[in-house]
Amino acid sequence: MIGKISGRLEHRATDHVMIDVGGIGYLVYCSDRTMAALPPVGEAVALYTDLLVREDLLQLFGFTTMVEKEWHKLLMSVQGIGAKAAMAIMGTLGADGVSRAITLGDWNAIKAAKGVGPKTAQKVVIELKDKAPGVMAMGGTVAQALGDADAQVIEPVLGASGAAQSEALSALVNLGYAHGDAASAVARASDAAEDTSGLIRAALKLLAPKE
């Protein structure tokens, strides 16, 4: 399994790039968002990769983060979502957008991706909803994400369901929310939910912009 590629960006096409690694050119397919984040041709580049193996095809897909890579694999585990549709979803929403949409059950956001119909979008949300918290928390522990000093600030919100609150807080921080806002939302949400998935959904609703 090829898990990561580092080399020189040799060529850029519409949906893939060629990366030269020691004189060997690897074709790596990427979402629109990943393509936009890559450096110009000729410069050094590194991508996490996932190898799709079929009887008549070997295809590499590239991602800028491990969270992106994990979502791509999970999306393809849903019947009706192939590699192309998974890349379309990632290109439309990004890793953070996919995390929010699936956690909140927002299948309309998933449906916005090219080639994804409403029934398939609903299936994605239903089948992956319980897996979302684990992917969102992939960035590490609360202490690693915020630093020891900041981790102490959020300690008072941890109660009887401290493990769930810690996991929910870590997931929100990895999504880019300020630790103070995330901690406040988790503390307020703890009265309405006890498990990690429920806490994340409730906290995201509290953090959503008010119309």
Protein backbone atom coordinates (compact mmCIF):
# COMPACT_ATOMS: atom_id res chain seq x y z
CA MET A 1 0.00 0.00 0.00
CA ILE A 2 1.29 3.45 -0.95
CA GLY A 3 0.31 5.72 1.94
CA LYS A 4 2.24 8.88 1.10
CA ILE A 5 4.15 10.34 -1.84
CA SER A 6 6.77 13.08 -1.68
CA GLY A 7 8.55 14.41 -4.74
CA ARG A 8 8.48 17.09 -7.42
CA LEU A 9 5.28 18.17 -9.15
CA GLU A 10 6.00 17.20 -12.75
CA HIS A 11 2.65 17.79 -14.45
CA ARG A 12 -0.78 19.13 -13.61
CA ALA A 13 -4.00 18.09 -15.40
CA THR A 14 -7.67 18.80 -14.67
CA ASP A 15 -8.19 16.05 -12.09
CA HIS A 16 -4.74 14.60 -11.47
CA VAL A 17 -1.06 15.41 -11.16
CA MET A 18 2.17 13.58 -11.90
CA ILE A 19 4.67 13.51 -9.07
CA ASP A 20 8.27 12.59 -9.86
CA VAL A 21 9.76 10.43 -7.12
CA GLY A 22 13.33 9.43 -7.87
CA GLY A 23 12.74 9.40 -11.61
CA ILE A 24 9.43 7.53 -11.43
CA GLY A 25 6.26 9.48 -12.24
CA TYR A 26 3.18 8.68 -10.15
CA LEU A 27 -0.25 9.76 -11.40
CA VAL A 28 -2.30 10.93 -8.42
CA TYR A 29 -5.97 11.90 -8.71
CA CYS A 30 -7.14 14.75 -6.49
CA SER A 31 -10.29 16.69 -5.67
CA ASP A 32 -10.74 20.26 -6.90
CA ARG A 33 -9.87 21.58 -3.44
CA THR A 34 -6.68 19.55 -3.24
CA MET A 35 -5.67 20.60 -6.75
CA ALA A 36 -6.12 24.25 -5.79
CA ALA A 37 -3.90 23.78 -2.73
CA LEU A 38 -0.97 22.26 -4.63
CA PRO A 39 2.16 24.28 -5.48
CA PRO A 40 3.17 25.23 -9.04
CA VAL A 41 4.71 22.69 -11.40
CA GLY A 42 8.38 22.12 -10.62
CA GLU A 43 8.07 22.57 -6.86
CA ALA A 44 8.22 19.99 -4.07
CA VAL A 45 4.94 18.38 -3.05
CA ALA A 46 3.75 15.74 -0.60
CA LEU A 47 0.36 14.01 -0.50
CA TYR A 48 -1.21 11.28 1.59
CA THR A 49 -2.44 8.64 -0.82
CA ASP A 50 -4.95 5.83 -1.09
CA LEU A 51 -4.53 3.07 -3.69
CA LEU A 52 -7.66 1.80 -5.40
CA VAL A 53 -7.14 -1.74 -6.67
CA ARG A 54 -9.45 -3.33 -9.23
CA GLU A 55 -9.03 -6.18 -11.68
CA ASP A 56 -8.31 -3.80 -14.54
CA LEU A 57 -7.18 -0.69 -12.70
CA LEU A 58 -4.67 0.64 -10.18
CA GLN A 59 -5.43 4.25 -9.26
CA LEU A 60 -3.85 6.55 -6.68
CA PHE A 61 -5.83 9.29 -4.94
CA GLY A 62 -4.11 12.13 -3.12
CA PHE A 63 -5.06 14.16 -0.05
CA THR A 64 -3.52 17.01 1.91
CA THR A 65 -4.58 15.60 5.31
CA MET A 66 -5.23 12.22 6.91
CA VAL A 67 -8.79 13.32 7.73
CA GLU A 68 -9.43 13.89 4.02
CA LYS A 69 -8.04 10.46 3.21
CA GLU A 70 -10.17 8.75 5.87
CA TRP A 71 -13.37 10.43 4.67
CA HIS A 72 -12.64 9.36 1.12
CA LYS A 73 -12.31 5.73 2.21
CA LEU A 74 -15.49 5.90 4.31
CA LEU A 75 -17.48 7.56 1.54
CA MET A 76 -16.49 4.80 -0.88
CA SER A 77 -17.73 2.20 1.62
CA VAL A 78 -21.29 3.43 0.98
CA GLN A 79 -23.04 1.58 -1.82
CA GLY A 80 -23.53 3.90 -4.78
CA ILE A 81 -20.49 6.05 -3.94
CA GLY A 82 -17.49 5.28 -6.10
CA ALA A 83 -14.12 6.96 -6.15
CA LYS A 84 -15.33 9.68 -8.54
CA ALA A 85 -18.37 10.57 -6.40
CA ALA A 86 -16.29 10.51 -3.22
CA MET A 87 -13.83 12.95 -4.77
CA ALA A 88 -16.72 15.15 -5.92
CA ILE A 89 -18.07 15.29 -2.35
CA MET A 90 -14.64 16.11 -0.95
CA GLY A 91 -14.11 18.75 -3.63
CA THR A 92 -17.47 20.38 -2.93
CA LEU A 93 -17.42 20.35 0.87
CA GLY A 94 -13.87 19.65 2.00
CA ALA A 95 -13.08 17.42 4.97
CA ASP A 96 -14.55 19.87 7.51
CA GLY A 97 -17.70 20.34 5.46
CA VAL A 98 -18.22 16.60 5.13
CA SER A 99 -17.75 16.20 8.88
CA ARG A 100 -20.34 18.87 9.66
CA ALA A 101 -22.86 17.67 7.07
CA ILE A 102 -22.78 14.04 8.17
CA THR A 103 -22.77 14.86 11.88
CA LEU A 104 -25.77 17.16 11.52
CA GLY A 105 -27.58 14.84 9.11
CA ASP A 106 -27.48 17.50 6.37
CA TRP A 107 -27.88 15.27 3.32
CA ASN A 108 -28.71 18.28 1.15
CA ALA A 109 -25.09 19.42 1.53
CA ILE A 110 -23.89 16.00 0.36
CA LYS A 111 -26.36 16.13 -2.55
CA ALA A 112 -24.73 19.35 -3.76
CA ALA A 113 -21.79 17.30 -5.05
CA LYS A 114 -21.87 16.48 -8.75
CA GLY A 115 -23.27 13.02 -9.49
CA VAL A 116 -24.78 12.44 -6.03
CA GLY A 117 -28.55 12.04 -5.90
CA PRO A 118 -30.83 12.58 -2.90
CA LYS A 119 -31.25 8.89 -2.04
CA THR A 120 -27.52 8.29 -2.14
CA ALA A 121 -26.87 11.42 -0.09
CA GLN A 122 -29.31 10.25 2.58
CA LYS A 123 -27.64 6.83 2.61
CA VAL A 124 -24.24 8.49 3.16
CA VAL A 125 -25.54 10.37 6.20
CA ILE A 126 -27.31 7.34 7.69
CA GLU A 127 -24.41 4.93 7.23
CA LEU A 128 -21.58 7.24 8.28
CA LYS A 129 -23.20 9.33 11.03
CA ASP A 130 -21.84 7.17 13.86
CA LYS A 131 -18.35 7.19 12.35
CA ALA A 132 -18.10 10.97 12.04
CA PRO A 133 -16.90 11.71 15.61
CA GLY A 134 -13.98 9.32 15.27
CA VAL A 135 -12.82 10.94 12.02
CA MET A 136 -13.28 14.45 13.38
CA ALA A 137 -11.12 13.63 16.40
CA MET A 138 -8.24 12.26 14.34
CA GLY A 139 -6.18 15.39 14.99
CA GLY A 140 -5.10 14.12 18.41
CA THR A 141 -6.02 14.65 22.02
CA VAL A 142 -7.26 17.91 23.48
CA ALA A 143 -3.89 18.55 25.09
CA GLN A 144 -2.09 17.94 21.80
CA ALA A 145 -4.47 20.16 19.84
CA LEU A 146 -4.54 23.07 22.26
CA GLY A 147 -1.35 22.79 24.27
CA ASP A 148 -1.16 21.89 27.96
CA ALA A 149 -1.96 25.43 29.14
CA ASP A 150 -5.12 25.67 27.04
CA ALA A 151 -6.18 22.14 28.01
CA GLN A 152 -6.26 23.26 31.64
CA VAL A 153 -8.67 26.06 30.73
CA ILE A 154 -11.29 23.61 29.48
CA GLU A 155 -10.91 21.17 32.36
CA PRO A 156 -13.88 22.55 34.39
CA VAL A 157 -16.40 21.54 31.69
CA LEU A 158 -15.50 17.87 32.07
CA GLY A 159 -17.89 16.07 34.39
CA ALA A 160 -19.38 12.59 34.73
CA SER A 161 -19.31 12.17 30.95
CA GLY A 162 -15.85 13.69 30.72
CA ALA A 163 -14.55 11.28 28.09
CA ALA A 164 -17.39 12.09 25.70
CA GLN A 165 -17.02 15.82 26.30
CA SER A 166 -13.27 15.64 25.76
CA GLU A 167 -13.71 13.78 22.47
CA ALA A 168 -16.41 16.21 21.31
CA LEU A 169 -14.26 19.20 22.24
CA SER A 170 -11.25 17.77 20.42
CA ALA A 171 -13.38 17.18 17.31
CA LEU A 172 -14.68 20.78 17.34
CA VAL A 173 -11.19 22.19 17.78
CA ASN A 174 -9.99 20.08 14.85
CA LEU A 175 -12.79 21.64 12.79
CA GLY A 176 -11.28 25.06 13.47
CA TYR A 177 -13.45 26.43 16.28
CA ALA A 178 -11.76 28.48 18.99
CA HIS A 179 -11.28 26.34 22.10
CA GLY A 180 -13.19 28.79 24.28
CA ASP A 181 -16.23 28.79 22.00
CA ALA A 182 -16.05 25.03 21.56
CA ALA A 183 -15.76 24.39 25.30
CA SER A 184 -18.74 26.64 26.02
CA ALA A 185 -20.85 24.91 23.38
CA VAL A 186 -19.95 21.43 24.66
CA ALA A 187 -20.75 22.45 28.23
CA ARG A 188 -24.17 23.79 27.17
CA ALA A 189 -24.85 20.75 25.01
CA SER A 190 -24.00 18.28 27.77
CA ASP A 191 -27.46 18.70 29.27
CA ALA A 192 -29.10 17.56 26.04
CA ALA A 193 -26.74 14.72 25.04
CA GLU A 194 -24.36 12.31 26.73
CA ASP A 195 -22.55 10.39 23.99
CA THR A 196 -19.84 11.91 21.79
CA SER A 197 -21.86 11.93 18.58
CA GLY A 198 -24.83 13.61 20.25
CA LEU A 199 -22.63 16.20 21.94
CA ILE A 200 -20.95 17.13 18.66
CA ARG A 201 -24.27 17.52 16.85
CA ALA A 202 -25.75 19.63 19.64
CA ALA A 203 -22.62 21.77 19.97
CA LEU A 204 -22.43 22.39 16.22
CA LYS A 205 -26.01 23.64 16.26
CA LEU A 206 -25.13 26.05 19.06
CA LEU A 207 -22.05 27.23 17.15
CA ALA A 208 -23.88 27.69 13.85
CA PRO A 209 -24.33 31.33 12.75
CA LYS A 210 -27.66 32.76 13.83
CA GLU A 211 -29.85 33.98 10.97
